[in-house]
Every structure is written in C-alpha cells, then in structure tokens.
Amino acid sequence: MRRQAVSSSTIASIGYDREEHLLEIEFVNGSVYRYRLVPESVHRDLMGAPSQGRFFNQRIRDVYPTEQVG
C-alpha cells in the first residue's frame, strides 16, 4: 500500500485502500498499523484535518479493528 507523507508530530505517513477499506498509518517512531473497515470519508477527513495526530486520537484510535504490520 502506498502511503503519503504528512506533516505531523506523531504521524509520518498515511495510506488508504478503497477496495479493502484499510487505513495504514506509519508513526514517526517507525511503527506501522493497519485499521480495517475504515470508511473512505474518515480517511478524507483525516487527510484534511489541521492536526492528523489529534484526529487520529479522537476518531480512529480504539475504534477500528487494528493490527501492527511493521
């Protein structure tokens, strides 16, 4: 999955697979997590958020099934 770099103090890059509804987030510490069943609208809102880290904590973290992949 291709990830797009973002300007955030906690998130390095974000990727999204529209067919699988998978959101992949690489954190600045090098950890990579995949979040399943994430609506495309959530990814769009995340990419447009003034603070991706804050949006992640408020709308994604502990909401969607997740697995660490890197």
C-alpha atoms as a PDB file:
ATOM      1  CA  MET A   1       0.000   0.000   0.000  1.00  0.00           C
ATOM      2  CA  ARG A   2       1.335   3.430  -0.896  1.00  0.00           C
ATOM      3  CA  ARG A   3       1.447   5.928   1.907  1.00  0.00           C
ATOM      4  CA  GLN A   4       1.523   9.693   1.591  1.00  0.00           C
ATOM      5  CA  ALA A   5       3.838  11.663   3.879  1.00  0.00           C
ATOM      6  CA  VAL A   6       2.095  14.111   6.197  1.00  0.00           C
ATOM      7  CA  SER A   7       3.323  16.964   8.354  1.00  0.00           C
ATOM      8  CA  SER A   8       2.563  15.780  11.882  1.00  0.00           C
ATOM      9  CA  SER A   9       4.497  15.423  15.110  1.00  0.00           C
ATOM     10  CA  THR A  10       3.166  11.864  15.619  1.00  0.00           C
ATOM     11  CA  ILE A  11       2.255  10.506  12.153  1.00  0.00           C
ATOM     12  CA  ALA A  12       4.810  10.127   9.344  1.00  0.00           C
ATOM     13  CA  SER A  13       2.574   8.823   6.548  1.00  0.00           C
ATOM     14  CA  ILE A  14      -0.947   7.647   5.767  1.00  0.00           C
ATOM     15  CA  GLY A  15      -2.228   5.196   3.143  1.00  0.00           C
ATOM     16  CA  TYR A  16      -5.698   4.011   2.230  1.00  0.00           C
ATOM     17  CA  ASP A  17      -7.024   1.095   0.173  1.00  0.00           C
ATOM     18  CA  ARG A  18     -10.512   1.982  -1.088  1.00  0.00           C
ATOM     19  CA  GLU A  19     -11.416  -1.557  -2.112  1.00  0.00           C
ATOM     20  CA  GLU A  20     -10.452  -3.136   1.210  1.00  0.00           C
ATOM     21  CA  HIS A  21     -11.326  -0.105   3.405  1.00  0.00           C
ATOM     22  CA  LEU A  22      -7.892  -0.368   5.020  1.00  0.00           C
ATOM     23  CA  LEU A  23      -6.171   2.623   6.547  1.00  0.00           C
ATOM     24  CA  GLU A  24      -2.435   2.255   7.097  1.00  0.00           C
ATOM     25  CA  ILE A  25      -0.616   4.694   9.357  1.00  0.00           C
ATOM     26  CA  GLU A  26       3.129   4.942   9.875  1.00  0.00           C
ATOM     27  CA  PHE A  27       4.012   6.744  13.074  1.00  0.00           C
ATOM     28  CA  VAL A  28       7.162   8.827  13.494  1.00  0.00           C
ATOM     29  CA  ASN A  29       8.623   6.122  15.774  1.00  0.00           C
ATOM     30  CA  GLY A  30       8.582   3.713  12.772  1.00  0.00           C
ATOM     31  CA  SER A  31       5.591   1.606  13.858  1.00  0.00           C
ATOM     32  CA  VAL A  32       3.059   0.817  11.129  1.00  0.00           C
ATOM     33  CA  TYR A  33      -0.546  -0.123  11.879  1.00  0.00           C
ATOM     34  CA  ARG A  34      -3.465  -1.109   9.661  1.00  0.00           C
ATOM     35  CA  TYR A  35      -7.015  -0.216  10.595  1.00  0.00           C
ATOM     36  CA  ARG A  36      -9.797  -2.248   8.950  1.00  0.00           C
ATOM     37  CA  LEU A  37     -13.343  -1.269   7.998  1.00  0.00           C
ATOM     38  CA  VAL A  38     -12.482   2.441   7.858  1.00  0.00           C
ATOM     39  CA  PRO A  39     -14.910   4.427   5.667  1.00  0.00           C
ATOM     40  CA  GLU A  40     -13.355   6.481   2.895  1.00  0.00           C
ATOM     41  CA  SER A  41     -14.926   9.587   4.443  1.00  0.00           C
ATOM     42  CA  VAL A  42     -12.834   9.062   7.597  1.00  0.00           C
ATOM     43  CA  HIS A  43      -9.655   8.848   5.500  1.00  0.00           C
ATOM     44  CA  ARG A  44     -10.638  12.011   3.610  1.00  0.00           C
ATOM     45  CA  ASP A  45     -11.340  13.850   6.877  1.00  0.00           C
ATOM     46  CA  LEU A  46      -8.045  12.621   8.339  1.00  0.00           C
ATOM     47  CA  MET A  47      -6.067  13.894   5.356  1.00  0.00           C
ATOM     48  CA  GLY A  48      -7.766  17.299   5.571  1.00  0.00           C
ATOM     49  CA  ALA A  49      -7.523  17.675   9.343  1.00  0.00           C
ATOM     50  CA  PRO A  50      -5.437  20.544  10.715  1.00  0.00           C
ATOM     51  CA  SER A  51      -3.856  18.012  13.116  1.00  0.00           C
ATOM     52  CA  GLN A  52      -3.732  14.418  11.883  1.00  0.00           C
ATOM     53  CA  GLY A  53      -2.480  13.260  15.285  1.00  0.00           C
ATOM     54  CA  ARG A  54      -5.413  14.810  17.132  1.00  0.00           C
ATOM     55  CA  PHE A  55      -7.896  13.491  14.546  1.00  0.00           C
ATOM     56  CA  PHE A  56      -6.371  10.010  14.914  1.00  0.00           C
ATOM     57  CA  ASN A  57      -6.757  10.090  18.697  1.00  0.00           C
ATOM     58  CA  GLN A  58     -10.344  11.366  18.553  1.00  0.00           C
ATOM     59  CA  ARG A  59     -11.788   9.435  15.592  1.00  0.00           C
ATOM     60  CA  ILE A  60      -9.671   6.356  14.783  1.00  0.00           C
ATOM     61  CA  ARG A  61      -7.715   5.076  17.761  1.00  0.00           C
ATOM     62  CA  ASP A  62      -9.541   2.250  19.568  1.00  0.00           C
ATOM     63  CA  VAL A  63     -12.492   2.488  17.137  1.00  0.00           C
ATOM     64  CA  TYR A  64     -11.500   0.255  14.196  1.00  0.00           C
ATOM     65  CA  PRO A  65     -10.025  -3.259  14.225  1.00  0.00           C
ATOM     66  CA  THR A  66      -6.243  -2.907  14.037  1.00  0.00           C
ATOM     67  CA  GLU A  67      -3.062  -4.866  13.573  1.00  0.00           C
ATOM     68  CA  GLN A  68       0.579  -3.906  13.704  1.00  0.00           C
ATOM     69  CA  VAL A  69       2.317  -4.649  10.400  1.00  0.00           C
ATOM     70  CA  GLY A  70       5.685  -3.019  10.876  1.00  0.00           C
END
